[in-house]
Amino acid sequence: VQLVESGGGSVQPGESLRLSCAASGIIFSPNVMGWYRQAPGKQRELVADIISGGIVNYADSVKGRFTVSRDNAKNTVYLQMNSLKPEDTAVYYCNVKETSWPYSDSWGQGTQVTVSS
């Protein structure tokens, strides 16, 4: 599975961005599609994920501001980010995990999100 992310960029605090991640190849269900981020000097952390059945999970720091969604027909996962804060600045990575055989775990190349005034 190959993942291609798009939609990163530089914005001011309070603005919005939408990230997209398109997966190519066969993805077996059940699976989880999600977004992680890594800020300079920090560990990679989960931002949000969504399982193939539609249940979503968010980091406390983004609840109420970010929305994760997926289009199973297009094998694409999205992250709508509203009310962005400087502490959201990081490289954002797309991830797809198959939670049964073949248990693949795929990562995108990362896209930079910078929030600064």
PDB file of N, CA and C in Angstrom:
ATOM      1  N   VAL A   1       0.855  -1.190   0.000  1.00  0.00           N
ATOM      2  CA  VAL A   1       0.000   0.000   0.000  1.00  0.00           C
ATOM      3  C   VAL A   1       0.894   1.243   0.000  1.00  0.00           C
ATOM      4  N   GLN A   2       0.654   2.132  -0.943  1.00  0.00           N
ATOM      5  CA  GLN A   2       1.384   3.403  -0.985  1.00  0.00           C
ATOM      6  C   GLN A   2       0.431   4.535  -0.635  1.00  0.00           C
ATOM      7  N   LEU A   3       0.921   5.460   0.166  1.00  0.00           N
ATOM      8  CA  LEU A   3       0.102   6.574   0.634  1.00  0.00           C
ATOM      9  C   LEU A   3       0.696   7.888   0.135  1.00  0.00           C
ATOM     10  N   VAL A   4      -0.152   8.742  -0.409  1.00  0.00           N
ATOM     11  CA  VAL A   4       0.280  10.046  -0.901  1.00  0.00           C
ATOM     12  C   VAL A   4      -0.556  11.113  -0.222  1.00  0.00           C
ATOM     13  N   GLU A   5       0.145  11.981   0.531  1.00  0.00           N
ATOM     14  CA  GLU A   5      -0.536  13.033   1.282  1.00  0.00           C
ATOM     15  C   GLU A   5      -0.500  14.344   0.511  1.00  0.00           C
ATOM     16  N   SER A   6      -1.462  15.189   0.792  1.00  0.00           N
ATOM     17  CA  SER A   6      -1.486  16.535   0.218  1.00  0.00           C
ATOM     18  C   SER A   6      -2.257  17.450   1.155  1.00  0.00           C
ATOM     19  N   GLY A   7      -2.039  18.763   0.972  1.00  0.00           N
ATOM     20  CA  GLY A   7      -2.845  19.734   1.706  1.00  0.00           C
ATOM     21  C   GLY A   7      -2.140  20.481   2.810  1.00  0.00           C
ATOM     22  N   GLY A   8      -0.887  20.169   3.088  1.00  0.00           N
ATOM     23  CA  GLY A   8      -0.175  20.908   4.118  1.00  0.00           C
ATOM     24  C   GLY A   8       0.143  22.316   3.664  1.00  0.00           C
ATOM     25  N   GLY A   9       0.679  23.119   4.597  1.00  0.00           N
ATOM     26  CA  GLY A   9       1.050  24.474   4.243  1.00  0.00           C
ATOM     27  C   GLY A   9       1.258  25.333   5.470  1.00  0.00           C
ATOM     28  N   SER A  10       1.350  26.623   5.234  1.00  0.00           N
ATOM     29  CA  SER A  10       1.548  27.598   6.316  1.00  0.00           C
ATOM     30  C   SER A  10       0.317  28.476   6.448  1.00  0.00           C
ATOM     31  N   VAL A  11      -0.183  28.584   7.668  1.00  0.00           N
ATOM     32  CA  VAL A  11      -1.370  29.396   7.927  1.00  0.00           C
ATOM     33  C   VAL A  11      -1.176  30.180   9.207  1.00  0.00           C
ATOM     34  N   GLN A  12      -2.058  31.126   9.429  1.00  0.00           N
ATOM     35  CA  GLN A  12      -2.044  31.903  10.662  1.00  0.00           C
ATOM     36  C   GLN A  12      -2.951  31.233  11.703  1.00  0.00           C
ATOM     37  N   PRO A  13      -2.719  31.524  12.968  1.00  0.00           N
ATOM     38  CA  PRO A  13      -3.582  30.965  14.018  1.00  0.00           C
ATOM     39  C   PRO A  13      -5.051  31.278  13.754  1.00  0.00           C
ATOM     40  N   GLY A  14      -5.904  30.275  13.990  1.00  0.00           N
ATOM     41  CA  GLY A  14      -7.333  30.440  13.765  1.00  0.00           C
ATOM     42  C   GLY A  14      -7.807  30.010  12.392  1.00  0.00           C
ATOM     43  N   GLU A  15      -6.865  29.832  11.465  1.00  0.00           N
ATOM     44  CA  GLU A  15      -7.240  29.431  10.113  1.00  0.00           C
ATOM     45  C   GLU A  15      -7.400  27.915  10.016  1.00  0.00           C
ATOM     46  N   SER A  16      -7.749  27.455   8.811  1.00  0.00           N
ATOM     47  CA  SER A  16      -8.051  26.040   8.594  1.00  0.00           C
ATOM     48  C   SER A  16      -7.194  25.468   7.482  1.00  0.00           C
ATOM     49  N   LEU A  17      -7.012  24.165   7.537  1.00  0.00           N
ATOM     50  CA  LEU A  17      -6.371  23.387   6.474  1.00  0.00           C
ATOM     51  C   LEU A  17      -7.074  22.042   6.378  1.00  0.00           C
ATOM     52  N   ARG A  18      -7.022  21.463   5.192  1.00  0.00           N
ATOM     53  CA  ARG A  18      -7.564  20.118   5.003  1.00  0.00           C
ATOM     54  C   ARG A  18      -6.496  19.240   4.394  1.00  0.00           C
ATOM     55  N   LEU A  19      -6.155  18.172   5.081  1.00  0.00           N
ATOM     56  CA  LEU A  19      -5.192  17.206   4.583  1.00  0.00           C
ATOM     57  C   LEU A  19      -5.927  16.045   3.928  1.00  0.00           C
ATOM     58  N   SER A  20      -5.323  15.515   2.869  1.00  0.00           N
ATOM     59  CA  SER A  20      -5.858  14.335   2.193  1.00  0.00           C
ATOM     60  C   SER A  20      -4.761  13.291   2.076  1.00  0.00           C
ATOM     61  N   CYS A  21      -5.157  12.047   2.090  1.00  0.00           N
ATOM     62  CA  CYS A  21      -4.209  10.947   1.928  1.00  0.00           C
ATOM     63  C   CYS A  21      -4.875   9.878   1.074  1.00  0.00           C
ATOM     64  N   ALA A  22      -4.327   9.673  -0.108  1.00  0.00           N
ATOM     65  CA  ALA A  22      -4.864   8.674  -1.025  1.00  0.00           C
ATOM     66  C   ALA A  22      -4.003   7.420  -0.975  1.00  0.00           C
ATOM     67  N   ALA A  23      -4.646   6.284  -0.794  1.00  0.00           N
ATOM     68  CA  ALA A  23      -3.945   4.999  -0.727  1.00  0.00           C
ATOM     69  C   ALA A  23      -4.123   4.243  -2.028  1.00  0.00           C
ATOM     70  N   SER A  24      -3.011   3.737  -2.534  1.00  0.00           N
ATOM     71  CA  SER A  24      -3.078   2.896  -3.732  1.00  0.00           C
ATOM     72  C   SER A  24      -2.775   1.460  -3.332  1.00  0.00           C
ATOM     73  N   GLY A  25      -3.330   0.519  -4.074  1.00  0.00           N
ATOM     74  CA  GLY A  25      -3.163  -0.887  -3.739  1.00  0.00           C
ATOM     75  C   GLY A  25      -4.385  -1.407  -3.019  1.00  0.00           C
ATOM     76  N   ILE A  26      -4.326  -2.682  -2.686  1.00  0.00           N
ATOM     77  CA  ILE A  26      -5.461  -3.330  -2.027  1.00  0.00           C
ATOM     78  C   ILE A  26      -5.338  -3.159  -0.523  1.00  0.00           C
ATOM     79  N   ILE A  27      -6.408  -2.702   0.085  1.00  0.00           N
ATOM     80  CA  ILE A  27      -6.467  -2.579   1.540  1.00  0.00           C
ATOM     81  C   ILE A  27      -7.551  -3.508   2.052  1.00  0.00           C
ATOM     82  N   PHE A  28      -7.157  -4.458   2.869  1.00  0.00           N
ATOM     83  CA  PHE A  28      -8.113  -5.417   3.407  1.00  0.00           C
ATOM     84  C   PHE A  28      -8.804  -4.840   4.644  1.00  0.00           C
ATOM     85  N   SER A  29     -10.050  -5.224   4.797  1.00  0.00           N
ATOM     86  CA  SER A  29     -10.803  -4.846   5.997  1.00  0.00           C
ATOM     87  C   SER A  29     -10.786  -6.000   6.977  1.00  0.00           C
ATOM     88  N   PRO A  30     -10.843  -5.699   8.271  1.00  0.00           N
ATOM     89  CA  PRO A  30     -10.953  -4.366   8.850  1.00  0.00           C
ATOM     90  C   PRO A  30      -9.612  -3.619   8.828  1.00  0.00           C
ATOM     91  N   ASN A  31      -9.683  -2.316   8.849  1.00  0.00           N
ATOM     92  CA  ASN A  31      -8.481  -1.513   8.850  1.00  0.00           C
ATOM     93  C   ASN A  31      -8.728  -0.189   9.572  1.00  0.00           C
ATOM     94  N   VAL A  32      -7.663   0.477   9.860  1.00  0.00           N
ATOM     95  CA  VAL A  32      -7.715   1.785  10.502  1.00  0.00           C
ATOM     96  C   VAL A  32      -6.914   2.759   9.658  1.00  0.00           C
ATOM     97  N   MET A  33      -7.501   3.896   9.315  1.00  0.00           N
ATOM     98  CA  MET A  33      -6.809   4.957   8.601  1.00  0.00           C
ATOM     99  C   MET A  33      -6.711   6.145   9.547  1.00  0.00           C
ATOM    100  N   GLY A  34      -5.534   6.750   9.587  1.00  0.00           N
ATOM    101  CA  GLY A  34      -5.393   7.830  10.549  1.00  0.00           C
ATOM    102  C   GLY A  34      -4.280   8.792  10.251  1.00  0.00           C
ATOM    103  N   TRP A  35      -4.142   9.751  11.132  1.00  0.00           N
ATOM    104  CA  TRP A  35      -3.139  10.797  11.015  1.00  0.00           C
ATOM    105  C   TRP A  35      -2.343  10.876  12.312  1.00  0.00           C
ATOM    106  N   TYR A  36      -1.042  10.967  12.156  1.00  0.00           N
ATOM    107  CA  TYR A  36      -0.118  11.202  13.253  1.00  0.00           C
ATOM    108  C   TYR A  36       0.644  12.489  12.946  1.00  0.00           C
ATOM    109  N   ARG A  37       1.279  13.024  13.962  1.00  0.00           N
ATOM    110  CA  ARG A  37       2.118  14.200  13.733  1.00  0.00           C
ATOM    111  C   ARG A  37       3.363  14.142  14.613  1.00  0.00           C
ATOM    112  N   GLN A  38       4.390  14.806  14.125  1.00  0.00           N
ATOM    113  CA  GLN A  38       5.641  14.867  14.870  1.00  0.00           C
ATOM    114  C   GLN A  38       6.200  16.279  14.793  1.00  0.00           C
ATOM    115  N   ALA A  39       6.281  16.916  15.948  1.00  0.00           N
ATOM    116  CA  ALA A  39       6.865  18.243  16.040  1.00  0.00           C
ATOM    117  C   ALA A  39       8.358  18.108  16.331  1.00  0.00           C
ATOM    118  N   PRO A  40       9.139  19.118  16.020  1.00  0.00           N
ATOM    119  CA  PRO A  40      10.592  19.054  16.261  1.00  0.00           C
ATOM    120  C   PRO A  40      10.897  18.730  17.723  1.00  0.00           C
ATOM    121  N   GLY A  41      11.738  17.739  17.937  1.00  0.00           N
ATOM    122  CA  GLY A  41      12.147  17.373  19.288  1.00  0.00           C
ATOM    123  C   GLY A  41      11.137  16.565  20.060  1.00  0.00           C
ATOM    124  N   LYS A  42      10.035  16.183  19.410  1.00  0.00           N
ATOM    125  CA  LYS A  42       8.993  15.432  20.103  1.00  0.00           C
ATOM    126  C   LYS A  42       8.751  14.101  19.416  1.00  0.00           C
ATOM    127  N   GLN A  43       8.091  13.192  20.138  1.00  0.00           N
ATOM    128  CA  GLN A  43       7.757  11.903  19.562  1.00  0.00           C
ATOM    129  C   GLN A  43       6.540  12.028  18.664  1.00  0.00           C
ATOM    130  N   ARG A  44       6.442  11.101  17.726  1.00  0.00           N
ATOM    131  CA  ARG A  44       5.276  11.057  16.869  1.00  0.00           C
ATOM    132  C   ARG A  44       4.067  10.691  17.723  1.00  0.00           C
ATOM    133  N   GLU A  45       2.947  11.376  17.490  1.00  0.00           N
ATOM    134  CA  GLU A  45       1.746  11.132  18.280  1.00  0.00           C
ATOM    135  C   GLU A  45       0.530  10.983  17.384  1.00  0.00           C
ATOM    136  N   LEU A  46      -0.437  10.232  17.867  1.00  0.00           N
ATOM    137  CA  LEU A  46      -1.695  10.060  17.139  1.00  0.00           C
ATOM    138  C   LEU A  46      -2.493  11.345  17.215  1.00  0.00           C
ATOM    139  N   VAL A  47      -2.999  11.781  16.074  1.00  0.00           N
ATOM    140  CA  VAL A  47      -3.897  12.934  16.018  1.00  0.00           C
ATOM    141  C   VAL A  47      -5.346  12.452  15.975  1.00  0.00           C
ATOM    142  N   ALA A  48      -5.641  11.580  15.015  1.00  0.00           N
ATOM    143  CA  ALA A  48      -6.998  11.070  14.864  1.00  0.00           C
ATOM    144  C   ALA A  48      -6.962   9.843  13.971  1.00  0.00           C
ATOM    145  N   ASP A  49      -7.887   8.914  14.218  1.00  0.00           N
ATOM    146  CA  ASP A  49      -8.016   7.801  13.305  1.00  0.00           C
ATOM    147  C   ASP A  49      -9.471   7.381  13.187  1.00  0.00           C
ATOM    148  N   ILE A  50      -9.731   6.576  12.144  1.00  0.00           N
ATOM    149  CA  ILE A  50     -11.091   6.141  11.856  1.00  0.00           C
ATOM    150  C   ILE A  50     -11.018   4.723  11.334  1.00  0.00           C
ATOM    151  N   ILE A  51     -11.807   3.844  11.950  1.00  0.00           N
ATOM    152  CA  ILE A  51     -11.768   2.460  11.519  1.00  0.00           C
ATOM    153  C   ILE A  51     -12.698   2.266  10.323  1.00  0.00           C
ATOM    154  N   SER A  52     -12.579   1.132   9.687  1.00  0.00           N
ATOM    155  CA  SER A  52     -13.361   0.883   8.478  1.00  0.00           C
ATOM    156  C   SER A  52     -14.859   0.888   8.769  1.00  0.00           C
ATOM    157  N   GLY A  53     -15.249   0.651  10.016  1.00  0.00           N
ATOM    158  CA  GLY A  53     -16.665   0.706  10.373  1.00  0.00           C
ATOM    159  C   GLY A  53     -17.160   2.100  10.685  1.00  0.00           C
ATOM    160  N   GLY A  54     -16.232   3.078  10.754  1.00  0.00           N
ATOM    161  CA  GLY A  54     -16.633   4.463  10.938  1.00  0.00           C
ATOM    162  C   GLY A  54     -16.381   5.061  12.308  1.00  0.00           C
ATOM    163  N   ILE A  55     -15.981   4.261  13.282  1.00  0.00           N
ATOM    164  CA  ILE A  55     -15.713   4.802  14.620  1.00  0.00           C
ATOM    165  C   ILE A  55     -14.444   5.648  14.578  1.00  0.00           C
ATOM    166  N   VAL A  56     -14.512   6.818  15.213  1.00  0.00           N
ATOM    167  CA  VAL A  56     -13.388   7.752  15.181  1.00  0.00           C
ATOM    168  C   VAL A  56     -12.775   7.905  16.569  1.00  0.00           C
ATOM    169  N   ASN A  57     -11.534   8.347  16.562  1.00  0.00           N
ATOM    170  CA  ASN A  57     -10.782   8.535  17.795  1.00  0.00           C
ATOM    171  C   ASN A  57      -9.907   9.766  17.621  1.00  0.00           C
ATOM    172  N   TYR A  58      -9.886  10.651  18.636  1.00  0.00           N
ATOM    173  CA  TYR A  58      -9.119  11.886  18.548  1.00  0.00           C
ATOM    174  C   TYR A  58      -8.210  12.054  19.755  1.00  0.00           C
ATOM    175  N   ALA A  59      -7.082  12.685  19.531  1.00  0.00           N
ATOM    176  CA  ALA A  59      -6.268  13.139  20.642  1.00  0.00           C
ATOM    177  C   ALA A  59      -7.019  14.254  21.363  1.00  0.00           C
ATOM    178  N   ASP A  60      -6.866  14.328  22.673  1.00  0.00           N
ATOM    179  CA  ASP A  60      -7.570  15.355  23.449  1.00  0.00           C
ATOM    180  C   ASP A  60      -7.251  16.762  22.949  1.00  0.00           C
ATOM    181  N   SER A  61      -6.039  16.966  22.491  1.00  0.00           N
ATOM    182  CA  SER A  61      -5.595  18.297  22.089  1.00  0.00           C
ATOM    183  C   SER A  61      -6.287  18.812  20.829  1.00  0.00           C
ATOM    184  N   VAL A  62      -6.930  17.923  20.069  1.00  0.00           N
ATOM    185  CA  VAL A  62      -7.563  18.361  18.812  1.00  0.00           C
ATOM    186  C   VAL A  62      -9.071  18.173  18.817  1.00  0.00           C
ATOM    187  N   LYS A  63      -9.630  17.598  19.872  1.00  0.00           N
ATOM    188  CA  LYS A  63     -11.074  17.373  19.926  1.00  0.00           C
ATOM    189  C   LYS A  63     -11.818  18.695  19.803  1.00  0.00           C
ATOM    190  N   GLY A  64     -12.837  18.671  18.958  1.00  0.00           N
ATOM    191  CA  GLY A  64     -13.630  19.881  18.744  1.00  0.00           C
ATOM    192  C   GLY A  64     -13.081  20.798  17.673  1.00  0.00           C
ATOM    193  N   ARG A  65     -11.845  20.554  17.236  1.00  0.00           N
ATOM    194  CA  ARG A  65     -11.235  21.401  16.199  1.00  0.00           C
ATOM    195  C   ARG A  65     -10.948  20.616  14.918  1.00  0.00           C
ATOM    196  N   PHE A  66     -10.575  19.367  15.047  1.00  0.00           N
ATOM    197  CA  PHE A  66     -10.216  18.547  13.898  1.00  0.00           C
ATOM    198  C   PHE A  66     -11.307  17.506  13.644  1.00  0.00           C
ATOM    199  N   THR A  67     -11.478  17.161  12.372  1.00  0.00           N
ATOM    200  CA  THR A  67     -12.418  16.114  11.991  1.00  0.00           C
ATOM    201  C   THR A  67     -11.749  15.171  11.000  1.00  0.00           C
ATOM    202  N   VAL A  68     -11.759  13.889  11.337  1.00  0.00           N
ATOM    203  CA  VAL A  68     -11.216  12.879  10.429  1.00  0.00           C
ATOM    204  C   VAL A  68     -12.387  12.189   9.717  1.00  0.00           C
ATOM    205  N   SER A  69     -12.189  11.902   8.440  1.00  0.00           N
ATOM    206  CA  SER A  69     -13.217  11.211   7.673  1.00  0.00           C
ATOM    207  C   SER A  69     -12.539  10.351   6.617  1.00  0.00           C
ATOM    208  N   ARG A  70     -13.301   9.462   6.010  1.00  0.00           N
ATOM    209  CA  ARG A  70     -12.732   8.601   4.979  1.00  0.00           C
ATOM    210  C   ARG A  70     -13.752   8.346   3.890  1.00  0.00           C
ATOM    211  N   ASP A  71     -13.230   8.098   2.700  1.00  0.00           N
ATOM    212  CA  ASP A  71     -14.031   7.702   1.555  1.00  0.00           C
ATOM    213  C   ASP A  71     -13.519   6.329   1.148  1.00  0.00           C
ATOM    214  N   ASN A  72     -14.249   5.299   1.528  1.00  0.00           N
ATOM    215  CA  ASN A  72     -13.768   3.940   1.271  1.00  0.00           C
ATOM    216  C   ASN A  72     -13.703   3.624  -0.216  1.00  0.00           C
ATOM    217  N   ALA A  73     -14.591   4.214  -0.992  1.00  0.00           N
ATOM    218  CA  ALA A  73     -14.583   3.964  -2.438  1.00  0.00           C
ATOM    219  C   ALA A  73     -13.310   4.512  -3.084  1.00  0.00           C
ATOM    220  N   LYS A  74     -12.772   5.567  -2.499  1.00  0.00           N
ATOM    221  CA  LYS A  74     -11.563   6.188  -3.047  1.00  0.00           C
ATOM    222  C   LYS A  74     -10.313   5.825  -2.252  1.00  0.00           C
ATOM    223  N   ASN A  75     -10.467   5.009  -1.206  1.00  0.00           N
ATOM    224  CA  ASN A  75      -9.323   4.671  -0.339  1.00  0.00           C
ATOM    225  C   ASN A  75      -8.602   5.931   0.121  1.00  0.00           C
ATOM    226  N   THR A  76      -9.365   6.905   0.547  1.00  0.00           N
ATOM    227  CA  THR A  76      -8.801   8.198   0.941  1.00  0.00           C
ATOM    228  C   THR A  76      -9.272   8.572   2.334  1.00  0.00           C
ATOM    229  N   VAL A  77      -8.343   9.134   3.099  1.00  0.00           N
ATOM    230  CA  VAL A  77      -8.669   9.639   4.433  1.00  0.00           C
ATOM    231  C   VAL A  77      -8.363  11.132   4.463  1.00  0.00           C
ATOM    232  N   TYR A  78      -9.193  11.864   5.177  1.00  0.00           N
ATOM    233  CA  TYR A  78      -9.071  13.313   5.244  1.00  0.00           C
ATOM    234  C   TYR A  78      -8.908  13.762   6.697  1.00  0.00           C
ATOM    235  N   LEU A  79      -8.292  14.920   6.855  1.00  0.00           N
ATOM    236  CA  LEU A  79      -8.231  15.550   8.172  1.00  0.00           C
ATOM    237  C   LEU A  79      -8.550  17.028   7.991  1.00  0.00           C
ATOM    238  N   GLN A  80      -9.728  17.421   8.433  1.00  0.00           N
ATOM    239  CA  GLN A  80     -10.112  18.826   8.407  1.00  0.00           C
ATOM    240  C   GLN A  80      -9.650  19.454   9.711  1.00  0.00           C
ATOM    241  N   MET A  81      -8.815  20.466   9.609  1.00  0.00           N
ATOM    242  CA  MET A  81      -8.235  21.109  10.784  1.00  0.00           C
ATOM    243  C   MET A  81      -8.714  22.549  10.848  1.00  0.00           C
ATOM    244  N   ASN A  82      -9.489  22.853  11.861  1.00  0.00           N
ATOM    245  CA  ASN A  82     -10.005  24.200  12.067  1.00  0.00           C
ATOM    246  C   ASN A  82      -9.395  24.806  13.329  1.00  0.00           C
ATOM    247  N   SER A  83      -9.500  26.111  13.432  1.00  0.00           N
ATOM    248  CA  SER A  83      -9.007  26.831  14.608  1.00  0.00           C
ATOM    249  C   SER A  83      -7.575  26.409  14.946  1.00  0.00           C
ATOM    250  N   LEU A  84      -6.726  26.411  13.947  1.00  0.00           N
ATOM    251  CA  LEU A  84      -5.360  25.944  14.131  1.00  0.00           C
ATOM    252  C   LEU A  84      -4.600  26.823  15.107  1.00  0.00           C
ATOM    253  N   LYS A  85      -3.725  26.188  15.874  1.00  0.00           N
ATOM    254  CA  LYS A  85      -2.912  26.862  16.880  1.00  0.00           C
ATOM    255  C   LYS A  85      -1.439  26.655  16.555  1.00  0.00           C
ATOM    256  N   PRO A  86      -0.569  27.521  17.044  1.00  0.00           N
ATOM    257  CA  PRO A  86       0.864  27.324  16.798  1.00  0.00           C
ATOM    258  C   PRO A  86       1.358  25.951  17.262  1.00  0.00           C
ATOM    259  N   GLU A  87       0.772  25.418  18.319  1.00  0.00           N
ATOM    260  CA  GLU A  87       1.202  24.113  18.812  1.00  0.00           C
ATOM    261  C   GLU A  87       0.771  22.959  17.906  1.00  0.00           C
ATOM    262  N   ASP A  88      -0.006  23.240  16.888  1.00  0.00           N
ATOM    263  CA  ASP A  88      -0.346  22.224  15.893  1.00  0.00           C
ATOM    264  C   ASP A  88       0.744  22.091  14.834  1.00  0.00           C
ATOM    265  N   THR A  89       1.723  22.966  14.872  1.00  0.00           N
ATOM    266  CA  THR A  89       2.813  22.904  13.900  1.00  0.00           C
ATOM    267  C   THR A  89       3.569  21.594  14.027  1.00  0.00           C
ATOM    268  N   ALA A  90       3.683  20.870  12.918  1.00  0.00           N
ATOM    269  CA  ALA A  90       4.327  19.559  12.916  1.00  0.00           C
ATOM    270  C   ALA A  90       4.326  19.013  11.495  1.00  0.00           C
ATOM    271  N   VAL A  91       5.038  17.912  11.318  1.00  0.00           N
ATOM    272  CA  VAL A  91       4.885  17.124  10.105  1.00  0.00           C
ATOM    273  C   VAL A  91       3.773  16.115  10.367  1.00  0.00           C
ATOM    274  N   TYR A  92       2.806  16.094   9.486  1.00  0.00           N
ATOM    275  CA  TYR A  92       1.654  15.202   9.637  1.00  0.00           C
ATOM    276  C   TYR A  92       1.826  13.996   8.706  1.00  0.00           C
ATOM    277  N   TYR A  93       1.629  12.810   9.273  1.00  0.00           N
ATOM    278  CA  TYR A  93       1.812  11.568   8.544  1.00  0.00           C
ATOM    279  C   TYR A  93       0.498  10.797   8.472  1.00  0.00           C
ATOM    280  N   CYS A  94       0.204  10.295   7.307  1.00  0.00           N
ATOM    281  CA  CYS A  94      -0.928   9.409   7.103  1.00  0.00           C
ATOM    282  C   CYS A  94      -0.503   7.974   7.423  1.00  0.00           C
ATOM    283  N   ASN A  95      -1.414   7.198   7.985  1.00  0.00           N
ATOM    284  CA  ASN A  95      -1.119   5.814   8.340  1.00  0.00           C
ATOM    285  C   ASN A  95      -2.320   4.940   8.040  1.00  0.00           C
ATOM    286  N   VAL A  96      -2.053   3.745   7.505  1.00  0.00           N
ATOM    287  CA  VAL A  96      -3.098   2.751   7.278  1.00  0.00           C
ATOM    288  C   VAL A  96      -2.635   1.431   7.872  1.00  0.00           C
ATOM    289  N   LYS A  97      -3.438   0.881   8.746  1.00  0.00           N
ATOM    290  CA  LYS A  97      -3.131  -0.408   9.359  1.00  0.00           C
ATOM    291  C   LYS A  97      -4.258  -1.387   9.052  1.00  0.00           C
ATOM    292  N   GLU A  98      -3.881  -2.556   8.597  1.00  0.00           N
ATOM    293  CA  GLU A  98      -4.856  -3.641   8.463  1.00  0.00           C
ATOM    294  C   GLU A  98      -4.874  -4.404   9.782  1.00  0.00           C
ATOM    295  N   THR A  99      -6.030  -4.529  10.394  1.00  0.00           N
ATOM    296  CA  THR A  99      -6.109  -5.103  11.732  1.00  0.00           C
ATOM    297  C   THR A  99      -6.390  -6.604  11.718  1.00  0.00           C
ATOM    298  N   SER A 100      -6.361  -7.190  10.537  1.00  0.00           N
ATOM    299  CA  SER A 100      -6.326  -8.640  10.402  1.00  0.00           C
ATOM    300  C   SER A 100      -5.384  -8.957   9.258  1.00  0.00           C
ATOM    301  N   TRP A 101      -5.234 -10.269   8.903  1.00  0.00           N
ATOM    302  CA  TRP A 101      -4.272 -10.609   7.861  1.00  0.00           C
ATOM    303  C   TRP A 101      -4.455  -9.734   6.645  1.00  0.00           C
ATOM    304  N   PRO A 102      -3.386  -9.199   6.023  1.00  0.00           N
ATOM    305  CA  PRO A 102      -1.968  -9.459   6.278  1.00  0.00           C
ATOM    306  C   PRO A 102      -1.318  -8.526   7.292  1.00  0.00           C
ATOM    307  N   TYR A 103      -2.084  -7.775   8.064  1.00  0.00           N
ATOM    308  CA  TYR A 103      -1.560  -6.930   9.136  1.00  0.00           C
ATOM    309  C   TYR A 103      -0.521  -5.928   8.641  1.00  0.00           C
ATOM    310  N   SER A 104      -0.735  -5.326   7.491  1.00  0.00           N
ATOM    311  CA  SER A 104       0.210  -4.344   6.984  1.00  0.00           C
ATOM    312  C   SER A 104       0.095  -3.050   7.782  1.00  0.00           C
ATOM    313  N   ASP A 105       1.155  -2.269   7.742  1.00  0.00           N
ATOM    314  CA  ASP A 105       1.223  -0.994   8.455  1.00  0.00           C
ATOM    315  C   ASP A 105       1.978  -0.033   7.545  1.00  0.00           C
ATOM    316  N   SER A 106       1.265   0.877   6.884  1.00  0.00           N
ATOM    317  CA  SER A 106       1.849   1.740   5.859  1.00  0.00           C
ATOM    318  C   SER A 106       1.829   3.204   6.294  1.00  0.00           C
ATOM    319  N   TRP A 107       2.881   3.926   5.881  1.00  0.00           N
ATOM    320  CA  TRP A 107       3.020   5.341   6.241  1.00  0.00           C
ATOM    321  C   TRP A 107       3.220   6.195   4.995  1.00  0.00           C
ATOM    322  N   GLY A 108       2.680   7.395   5.046  1.00  0.00           N
ATOM    323  CA  GLY A 108       2.944   8.365   4.009  1.00  0.00           C
ATOM    324  C   GLY A 108       4.265   9.062   4.260  1.00  0.00           C
ATOM    325  N   GLN A 109       4.639   9.943   3.333  1.00  0.00           N
ATOM    326  CA  GLN A 109       5.930  10.606   3.410  1.00  0.00           C
ATOM    327  C   GLN A 109       5.912  11.806   4.364  1.00  0.00           C
ATOM    328  N   GLY A 110       4.737  12.249   4.747  1.00  0.00           N
ATOM    329  CA  GLY A 110       4.622  13.383   5.652  1.00  0.00           C
ATOM    330  C   GLY A 110       4.380  14.688   4.913  1.00  0.00           C
ATOM    331  N   THR A 111       3.609  15.557   5.528  1.00  0.00           N
ATOM    332  CA  THR A 111       3.361  16.886   4.961  1.00  0.00           C
ATOM    333  C   THR A 111       3.455  17.909   6.095  1.00  0.00           C
ATOM    334  N   GLN A 112       4.149  18.999   5.817  1.00  0.00           N
ATOM    335  CA  GLN A 112       4.403  20.001   6.852  1.00  0.00           C
ATOM    336  C   GLN A 112       3.197  20.909   7.040  1.00  0.00           C
ATOM    337  N   VAL A 113       2.829  21.112   8.297  1.00  0.00           N
ATOM    338  CA  VAL A 113       1.813  22.086   8.671  1.00  0.00           C
ATOM    339  C   VAL A 113       2.471  23.083   9.620  1.00  0.00           C
ATOM    340  N   THR A 114       2.446  24.356   9.247  1.00  0.00           N
ATOM    341  CA  THR A 114       3.044  25.410  10.076  1.00  0.00           C
ATOM    342  C   THR A 114       1.980  26.442  10.402  1.00  0.00           C
ATOM    343  N   VAL A 115       1.816  26.695  11.688  1.00  0.00           N
ATOM    344  CA  VAL A 115       0.846  27.687  12.149  1.00  0.00           C
ATOM    345  C   VAL A 115       1.615  28.791  12.870  1.00  0.00           C
ATOM    346  N   SER A 116       1.621  29.967  12.267  1.00  0.00           N
ATOM    347  CA  SER A 116       2.423  31.053  12.817  1.00  0.00           C
ATOM    348  C   SER A 116       1.847  32.386  12.397  1.00  0.00           C
ATOM    349  N   SER A 117       1.960  33.364  13.283  1.00  0.00           N
ATOM    350  CA  SER A 117       1.514  34.709  12.940  1.00  0.00           C
ATOM    351  C   SER A 117       2.690  35.526  12.403  1.00  0.00           C
TER     352      SER A 117
END
